Amino acid sequence: SHTPEQELERTSITIAGATGELVAYSFPDLKNASTITREVFFNVDGVLWNIYIYSGTDKSDETKLDFEHIINTFKVLP
């Protein structure tokens, strides 16, 4: 059995000119190792987007930087 996920952060952000919701949470993976997931949801012209990244807690700082780069440079092409 898995322990329930623990929400670490929830905030509104701007991505691709839209307002999105960023959620970060921890959750044990299939081998019961602790992971951190960062996920953003946003709507562009009626299309709901979801981008996420996850890693073990040991790589969490690196993946947070990668995710922030993706969020800050993401564009929806016409």
PDB file of N, CA and C in Angstrom:
ATOM      1  N   SER A   1       0.836  -1.188   0.000  1.00  0.00           N
ATOM      2  CA  SER A   1       0.000   0.000   0.000  1.00  0.00           C
ATOM      3  C   SER A   1       0.880   1.251   0.000  1.00  0.00           C
ATOM      4  N   HIS A   2       0.393   2.287  -0.639  1.00  0.00           N
ATOM      5  CA  HIS A   2       1.133   3.538  -0.759  1.00  0.00           C
ATOM      6  C   HIS A   2       0.582   4.565   0.216  1.00  0.00           C
ATOM      7  N   THR A   3       1.465   5.382   0.732  1.00  0.00           N
ATOM      8  CA  THR A   3       0.987   6.489   1.546  1.00  0.00           C
ATOM      9  C   THR A   3       0.447   7.560   0.607  1.00  0.00           C
ATOM     10  N   PRO A   4      -0.512   8.336   1.044  1.00  0.00           N
ATOM     11  CA  PRO A   4      -1.066   9.372   0.166  1.00  0.00           C
ATOM     12  C   PRO A   4      -0.016  10.428  -0.182  1.00  0.00           C
ATOM     13  N   GLU A   5      -0.210  11.043  -1.324  1.00  0.00           N
ATOM     14  CA  GLU A   5       0.719  12.096  -1.721  1.00  0.00           C
ATOM     15  C   GLU A   5       0.635  13.271  -0.758  1.00  0.00           C
ATOM     16  N   GLN A   6       1.742  13.965  -0.635  1.00  0.00           N
ATOM     17  CA  GLN A   6       1.799  15.144   0.228  1.00  0.00           C
ATOM     18  C   GLN A   6       2.045  16.363  -0.647  1.00  0.00           C
ATOM     19  N   GLU A   7       1.119  17.304  -0.616  1.00  0.00           N
ATOM     20  CA  GLU A   7       1.275  18.522  -1.406  1.00  0.00           C
ATOM     21  C   GLU A   7       2.350  19.399  -0.774  1.00  0.00           C
ATOM     22  N   LEU A   8       3.296  19.834  -1.592  1.00  0.00           N
ATOM     23  CA  LEU A   8       4.402  20.648  -1.124  1.00  0.00           C
ATOM     24  C   LEU A   8       4.227  22.113  -1.487  1.00  0.00           C
ATOM     25  N   GLU A   9       3.559  22.350  -2.614  1.00  0.00           N
ATOM     26  CA  GLU A   9       3.422  23.723  -3.113  1.00  0.00           C
ATOM     27  C   GLU A   9       2.229  23.772  -4.046  1.00  0.00           C
ATOM     28  N   ARG A  10       1.528  24.908  -4.049  1.00  0.00           N
ATOM     29  CA  ARG A  10       0.446  25.160  -5.018  1.00  0.00           C
ATOM     30  C   ARG A  10       0.425  26.661  -5.242  1.00  0.00           C
ATOM     31  N   THR A  11       0.564  27.059  -6.500  1.00  0.00           N
ATOM     32  CA  THR A  11       0.624  28.484  -6.791  1.00  0.00           C
ATOM     33  C   THR A  11       0.155  28.752  -8.217  1.00  0.00           C
ATOM     34  N   SER A  12      -0.292  29.965  -8.476  1.00  0.00           N
ATOM     35  CA  SER A  12      -0.629  30.391  -9.833  1.00  0.00           C
ATOM     36  C   SER A  12       0.635  30.917 -10.505  1.00  0.00           C
ATOM     37  N   ILE A  13       0.813  30.564 -11.769  1.00  0.00           N
ATOM     38  CA  ILE A  13       1.966  31.039 -12.534  1.00  0.00           C
ATOM     39  C   ILE A  13       1.498  31.448 -13.921  1.00  0.00           C
ATOM     40  N   THR A  14       2.352  32.152 -14.639  1.00  0.00           N
ATOM     41  CA  THR A  14       2.089  32.479 -16.038  1.00  0.00           C
ATOM     42  C   THR A  14       2.954  31.581 -16.902  1.00  0.00           C
ATOM     43  N   ILE A  15       2.315  30.928 -17.876  1.00  0.00           N
ATOM     44  CA  ILE A  15       3.022  30.071 -18.829  1.00  0.00           C
ATOM     45  C   ILE A  15       2.391  30.270 -20.194  1.00  0.00           C
ATOM     46  N   ALA A  16       3.218  30.524 -21.197  1.00  0.00           N
ATOM     47  CA  ALA A  16       2.752  30.712 -22.575  1.00  0.00           C
ATOM     48  C   ALA A  16       1.662  31.783 -22.648  1.00  0.00           C
ATOM     49  N   GLY A  17       1.777  32.821 -21.822  1.00  0.00           N
ATOM     50  CA  GLY A  17       0.815  33.910 -21.828  1.00  0.00           C
ATOM     51  C   GLY A  17      -0.490  33.597 -21.120  1.00  0.00           C
ATOM     52  N   ALA A  18      -0.594  32.417 -20.541  1.00  0.00           N
ATOM     53  CA  ALA A  18      -1.818  32.010 -19.844  1.00  0.00           C
ATOM     54  C   ALA A  18      -1.523  31.874 -18.351  1.00  0.00           C
ATOM     55  N   THR A  19      -2.571  31.977 -17.545  1.00  0.00           N
ATOM     56  CA  THR A  19      -2.420  31.727 -16.114  1.00  0.00           C
ATOM     57  C   THR A  19      -2.594  30.239 -15.871  1.00  0.00           C
ATOM     58  N   GLY A  20      -1.637  29.673 -15.176  1.00  0.00           N
ATOM     59  CA  GLY A  20      -1.686  28.244 -14.880  1.00  0.00           C
ATOM     60  C   GLY A  20      -1.608  27.984 -13.397  1.00  0.00           C
ATOM     61  N   GLU A  21      -1.847  26.750 -13.039  1.00  0.00           N
ATOM     62  CA  GLU A  21      -1.765  26.304 -11.651  1.00  0.00           C
ATOM     63  C   GLU A  21      -0.596  25.329 -11.554  1.00  0.00           C
ATOM     64  N   LEU A  22       0.363  25.651 -10.685  1.00  0.00           N
ATOM     65  CA  LEU A  22       1.522  24.793 -10.454  1.00  0.00           C
ATOM     66  C   LEU A  22       1.318  24.054  -9.141  1.00  0.00           C
ATOM     67  N   VAL A  23       1.506  22.738  -9.183  1.00  0.00           N
ATOM     68  CA  VAL A  23       1.387  21.915  -7.982  1.00  0.00           C
ATOM     69  C   VAL A  23       2.643  21.058  -7.875  1.00  0.00           C
ATOM     70  N   ALA A  24       3.213  20.995  -6.680  1.00  0.00           N
ATOM     71  CA  ALA A  24       4.343  20.106  -6.409  1.00  0.00           C
ATOM     72  C   ALA A  24       3.931  19.190  -5.264  1.00  0.00           C
ATOM     73  N   TYR A  25       4.242  17.900  -5.401  1.00  0.00           N
ATOM     74  CA  TYR A  25       3.873  16.957  -4.353  1.00  0.00           C
ATOM     75  C   TYR A  25       4.862  15.808  -4.302  1.00  0.00           C
ATOM     76  N   SER A  26       4.908  15.167  -3.160  1.00  0.00           N
ATOM     77  CA  SER A  26       5.747  13.983  -3.005  1.00  0.00           C
ATOM     78  C   SER A  26       4.852  12.758  -2.995  1.00  0.00           C
ATOM     79  N   PHE A  27       5.417  11.655  -3.460  1.00  0.00           N
ATOM     80  CA  PHE A  27       4.662  10.414  -3.546  1.00  0.00           C
ATOM     81  C   PHE A  27       5.656   9.272  -3.662  1.00  0.00           C
ATOM     82  N   PRO A  28       5.439   8.158  -2.976  1.00  0.00           N
ATOM     83  CA  PRO A  28       6.349   7.030  -3.145  1.00  0.00           C
ATOM     84  C   PRO A  28       6.143   6.365  -4.507  1.00  0.00           C
ATOM     85  N   ASP A  29       7.237   5.986  -5.168  1.00  0.00           N
ATOM     86  CA  ASP A  29       7.113   5.290  -6.451  1.00  0.00           C
ATOM     87  C   ASP A  29       6.807   3.807  -6.207  1.00  0.00           C
ATOM     88  N   LEU A  30       6.829   3.011  -7.265  1.00  0.00           N
ATOM     89  CA  LEU A  30       6.456   1.594  -7.142  1.00  0.00           C
ATOM     90  C   LEU A  30       7.381   0.816  -6.210  1.00  0.00           C
ATOM     91  N   LYS A  31       8.604   1.299  -6.044  1.00  0.00           N
ATOM     92  CA  LYS A  31       9.554   0.626  -5.148  1.00  0.00           C
ATOM     93  C   LYS A  31       9.584   1.296  -3.776  1.00  0.00           C
ATOM     94  N   ASN A  32       8.599   2.159  -3.516  1.00  0.00           N
ATOM     95  CA  ASN A  32       8.463   2.897  -2.263  1.00  0.00           C
ATOM     96  C   ASN A  32       9.581   3.912  -2.018  1.00  0.00           C
ATOM     97  N   ALA A  33      10.282   4.297  -3.079  1.00  0.00           N
ATOM     98  CA  ALA A  33      11.246   5.395  -2.965  1.00  0.00           C
ATOM     99  C   ALA A  33      10.473   6.699  -3.071  1.00  0.00           C
ATOM    100  N   SER A  34      10.917   7.707  -2.366  1.00  0.00           N
ATOM    101  CA  SER A  34      10.216   8.984  -2.373  1.00  0.00           C
ATOM    102  C   SER A  34      10.523   9.761  -3.648  1.00  0.00           C
ATOM    103  N   THR A  35       9.491  10.280  -4.292  1.00  0.00           N
ATOM    104  CA  THR A  35       9.660  11.093  -5.497  1.00  0.00           C
ATOM    105  C   THR A  35       9.001  12.450  -5.288  1.00  0.00           C
ATOM    106  N   ILE A  36       9.460  13.418  -6.080  1.00  0.00           N
ATOM    107  CA  ILE A  36       8.857  14.746  -6.112  1.00  0.00           C
ATOM    108  C   ILE A  36       8.331  14.965  -7.527  1.00  0.00           C
ATOM    109  N   THR A  37       7.078  15.345  -7.628  1.00  0.00           N
ATOM    110  CA  THR A  37       6.467  15.662  -8.920  1.00  0.00           C
ATOM    111  C   THR A  37       6.106  17.135  -8.930  1.00  0.00           C
ATOM    112  N   ARG A  38       6.436  17.801 -10.033  1.00  0.00           N
ATOM    113  CA  ARG A  38       6.009  19.176 -10.268  1.00  0.00           C
ATOM    114  C   ARG A  38       5.142  19.148 -11.515  1.00  0.00           C
ATOM    115  N   GLU A  39       3.982  19.794 -11.427  1.00  0.00           N
ATOM    116  CA  GLU A  39       2.993  19.692 -12.493  1.00  0.00           C
ATOM    117  C   GLU A  39       2.335  21.046 -12.677  1.00  0.00           C
ATOM    118  N   VAL A  40       2.120  21.430 -13.935  1.00  0.00           N
ATOM    119  CA  VAL A  40       1.429  22.678 -14.219  1.00  0.00           C
ATOM    120  C   VAL A  40       0.263  22.381 -15.163  1.00  0.00           C
ATOM    121  N   PHE A  41      -0.869  23.020 -14.892  1.00  0.00           N
ATOM    122  CA  PHE A  41      -2.077  22.913 -15.712  1.00  0.00           C
ATOM    123  C   PHE A  41      -2.412  24.309 -16.209  1.00  0.00           C
ATOM    124  N   PHE A  42      -2.722  24.427 -17.506  1.00  0.00           N
ATOM    125  CA  PHE A  42      -3.109  25.724 -18.039  1.00  0.00           C
ATOM    126  C   PHE A  42      -3.942  25.531 -19.293  1.00  0.00           C
ATOM    127  N   ASN A  43      -4.711  26.563 -19.647  1.00  0.00           N
ATOM    128  CA  ASN A  43      -5.641  26.502 -20.762  1.00  0.00           C
ATOM    129  C   ASN A  43      -5.236  27.554 -21.793  1.00  0.00           C
ATOM    130  N   VAL A  44      -5.037  27.117 -23.033  1.00  0.00           N
ATOM    131  CA  VAL A  44      -4.743  28.036 -24.134  1.00  0.00           C
ATOM    132  C   VAL A  44      -5.783  27.797 -25.227  1.00  0.00           C
ATOM    133  N   ASP A  45      -6.607  28.783 -25.487  1.00  0.00           N
ATOM    134  CA  ASP A  45      -7.640  28.708 -26.529  1.00  0.00           C
ATOM    135  C   ASP A  45      -8.519  27.464 -26.393  1.00  0.00           C
ATOM    136  N   GLY A  46      -8.913  27.162 -25.171  1.00  0.00           N
ATOM    137  CA  GLY A  46      -9.821  26.044 -24.941  1.00  0.00           C
ATOM    138  C   GLY A  46      -9.158  24.687 -24.872  1.00  0.00           C
ATOM    139  N   VAL A  47      -7.843  24.636 -25.005  1.00  0.00           N
ATOM    140  CA  VAL A  47      -7.119  23.367 -24.903  1.00  0.00           C
ATOM    141  C   VAL A  47      -6.424  23.333 -23.545  1.00  0.00           C
ATOM    142  N   LEU A  48      -6.729  22.303 -22.756  1.00  0.00           N
ATOM    143  CA  LEU A  48      -6.116  22.148 -21.446  1.00  0.00           C
ATOM    144  C   LEU A  48      -4.760  21.457 -21.598  1.00  0.00           C
ATOM    145  N   TRP A  49      -3.727  22.115 -21.119  1.00  0.00           N
ATOM    146  CA  TRP A  49      -2.367  21.583 -21.156  1.00  0.00           C
ATOM    147  C   TRP A  49      -1.969  21.118 -19.766  1.00  0.00           C
ATOM    148  N   ASN A  50      -1.109  20.113 -19.733  1.00  0.00           N
ATOM    149  CA  ASN A  50      -0.561  19.581 -18.487  1.00  0.00           C
ATOM    150  C   ASN A  50       0.890  19.204 -18.772  1.00  0.00           C
ATOM    151  N   ILE A  51       1.811  19.788 -18.037  1.00  0.00           N
ATOM    152  CA  ILE A  51       3.232  19.461 -18.176  1.00  0.00           C
ATOM    153  C   ILE A  51       3.713  19.049 -16.794  1.00  0.00           C
ATOM    154  N   TYR A  52       4.457  17.951 -16.729  1.00  0.00           N
ATOM    155  CA  TYR A  52       4.946  17.528 -15.424  1.00  0.00           C
ATOM    156  C   TYR A  52       6.338  16.928 -15.538  1.00  0.00           C
ATOM    157  N   ILE A  53       7.019  16.908 -14.420  1.00  0.00           N
ATOM    158  CA  ILE A  53       8.324  16.291 -14.310  1.00  0.00           C
ATOM    159  C   ILE A  53       8.396  15.649 -12.937  1.00  0.00           C
ATOM    160  N   TYR A  54       9.035  14.495 -12.863  1.00  0.00           N
ATOM    161  CA  TYR A  54       9.201  13.891 -11.546  1.00  0.00           C
ATOM    162  C   TYR A  54      10.578  13.266 -11.442  1.00  0.00           C
ATOM    163  N   SER A  55      11.037  13.140 -10.224  1.00  0.00           N
ATOM    164  CA  SER A  55      12.347  12.549  -9.968  1.00  0.00           C
ATOM    165  C   SER A  55      12.390  12.069  -8.528  1.00  0.00           C
ATOM    166  N   GLY A  56      13.440  11.339  -8.232  1.00  0.00           N
ATOM    167  CA  GLY A  56      13.696  10.991  -6.840  1.00  0.00           C
ATOM    168  C   GLY A  56      14.030  12.257  -6.068  1.00  0.00           C
ATOM    169  N   THR A  57      13.845  12.214  -4.773  1.00  0.00           N
ATOM    170  CA  THR A  57      14.114  13.408  -3.974  1.00  0.00           C
ATOM    171  C   THR A  57      15.578  13.838  -4.070  1.00  0.00           C
ATOM    172  N   ASP A  58      16.472  12.901  -4.346  1.00  0.00           N
ATOM    173  CA  ASP A  58      17.895  13.244  -4.450  1.00  0.00           C
ATOM    174  C   ASP A  58      18.193  14.129  -5.664  1.00  0.00           C
ATOM    175  N   LYS A  59      17.349  14.103  -6.677  1.00  0.00           N
ATOM    176  CA  LYS A  59      17.543  14.916  -7.890  1.00  0.00           C
ATOM    177  C   LYS A  59      16.538  16.062  -7.964  1.00  0.00           C
ATOM    178  N   SER A  60      15.809  16.297  -6.896  1.00  0.00           N
ATOM    179  CA  SER A  60      14.711  17.262  -6.907  1.00  0.00           C
ATOM    180  C   SER A  60      15.154  18.681  -7.256  1.00  0.00           C
ATOM    181  N   ASP A  61      16.276  19.127  -6.712  1.00  0.00           N
ATOM    182  CA  ASP A  61      16.737  20.491  -7.002  1.00  0.00           C
ATOM    183  C   ASP A  61      17.079  20.656  -8.478  1.00  0.00           C
ATOM    184  N   GLU A  62      17.746  19.648  -9.065  1.00  0.00           N
ATOM    185  CA  GLU A  62      18.093  19.700 -10.493  1.00  0.00           C
ATOM    186  C   GLU A  62      16.837  19.730 -11.359  1.00  0.00           C
ATOM    187  N   THR A  63      15.890  18.839 -11.062  1.00  0.00           N
ATOM    188  CA  THR A  63      14.697  18.788 -11.908  1.00  0.00           C
ATOM    189  C   THR A  63      13.836  20.034 -11.723  1.00  0.00           C
ATOM    190  N   LYS A  64      13.865  20.648 -10.538  1.00  0.00           N
ATOM    191  CA  LYS A  64      13.117  21.895 -10.348  1.00  0.00           C
ATOM    192  C   LYS A  64      13.670  22.969 -11.277  1.00  0.00           C
ATOM    193  N   LEU A  65      14.983  23.061 -11.383  1.00  0.00           N
ATOM    194  CA  LEU A  65      15.593  24.042 -12.291  1.00  0.00           C
ATOM    195  C   LEU A  65      15.239  23.742 -13.743  1.00  0.00           C
ATOM    196  N   ASP A  66      15.282  22.467 -14.136  1.00  0.00           N
ATOM    197  CA  ASP A  66      14.900  22.076 -15.497  1.00  0.00           C
ATOM    198  C   ASP A  66      13.442  22.444 -15.768  1.00  0.00           C
ATOM    199  N   PHE A  67      12.564  22.147 -14.813  1.00  0.00           N
ATOM    200  CA  PHE A  67      11.141  22.424 -14.982  1.00  0.00           C
ATOM    201  C   PHE A  67      10.895  23.926 -15.102  1.00  0.00           C
ATOM    202  N   GLU A  68      11.557  24.710 -14.263  1.00  0.00           N
ATOM    203  CA  GLU A  68      11.409  26.168 -14.342  1.00  0.00           C
ATOM    204  C   GLU A  68      11.863  26.687 -15.701  1.00  0.00           C
ATOM    205  N   HIS A  69      12.932  26.108 -16.247  1.00  0.00           N
ATOM    206  CA  HIS A  69      13.392  26.509 -17.581  1.00  0.00           C
ATOM    207  C   HIS A  69      12.322  26.183 -18.632  1.00  0.00           C
ATOM    208  N   ILE A  70      11.752  24.992 -18.547  1.00  0.00           N
ATOM    209  CA  ILE A  70      10.697  24.603 -19.492  1.00  0.00           C
ATOM    210  C   ILE A  70       9.507  25.557 -19.388  1.00  0.00           C
ATOM    211  N   ILE A  71       9.071  25.846 -18.164  1.00  0.00           N
ATOM    212  CA  ILE A  71       7.928  26.731 -17.953  1.00  0.00           C
ATOM    213  C   ILE A  71       8.214  28.130 -18.496  1.00  0.00           C
ATOM    214  N   ASN A  72       9.412  28.640 -18.247  1.00  0.00           N
ATOM    215  CA  ASN A  72       9.754  30.009 -18.654  1.00  0.00           C
ATOM    216  C   ASN A  72       9.975  30.164 -20.147  1.00  0.00           C
ATOM    217  N   THR A  73      10.236  29.074 -20.867  1.00  0.00           N
ATOM    218  CA  THR A  73      10.506  29.168 -22.303  1.00  0.00           C
ATOM    219  C   THR A  73       9.413  28.507 -23.153  1.00  0.00           C
ATOM    220  N   PHE A  74       8.399  27.935 -22.535  1.00  0.00           N
ATOM    221  CA  PHE A  74       7.358  27.202 -23.266  1.00  0.00           C
ATOM    222  C   PHE A  74       6.507  28.157 -24.099  1.00  0.00           C
ATOM    223  N   LYS A  75       6.275  27.773 -25.346  1.00  0.00           N
ATOM    224  CA  LYS A  75       5.405  28.534 -26.236  1.00  0.00           C
ATOM    225  C   LYS A  75       4.461  27.569 -26.953  1.00  0.00           C
ATOM    226  N   VAL A  76       3.234  28.004 -27.145  1.00  0.00           N
ATOM    227  CA  VAL A  76       2.278  27.253 -27.943  1.00  0.00           C
ATOM    228  C   VAL A  76       2.340  27.828 -29.342  1.00  0.00           C
ATOM    229  N   LEU A  77       2.694  27.005 -30.303  1.00  0.00           N
ATOM    230  CA  LEU A  77       2.829  27.469 -31.691  1.00  0.00           C
ATOM    231  C   LEU A  77       1.454  27.576 -32.351  1.00  0.00           C
ATOM    232  N   PRO A  78       1.295  28.550 -33.254  1.00  0.00           N
ATOM    233  CA  PRO A  78      -0.005  28.709 -33.915  1.00  0.00           C
ATOM    234  C   PRO A  78      -0.310  27.560 -34.875  1.00  0.00           C
TER     235      PRO A  78
END
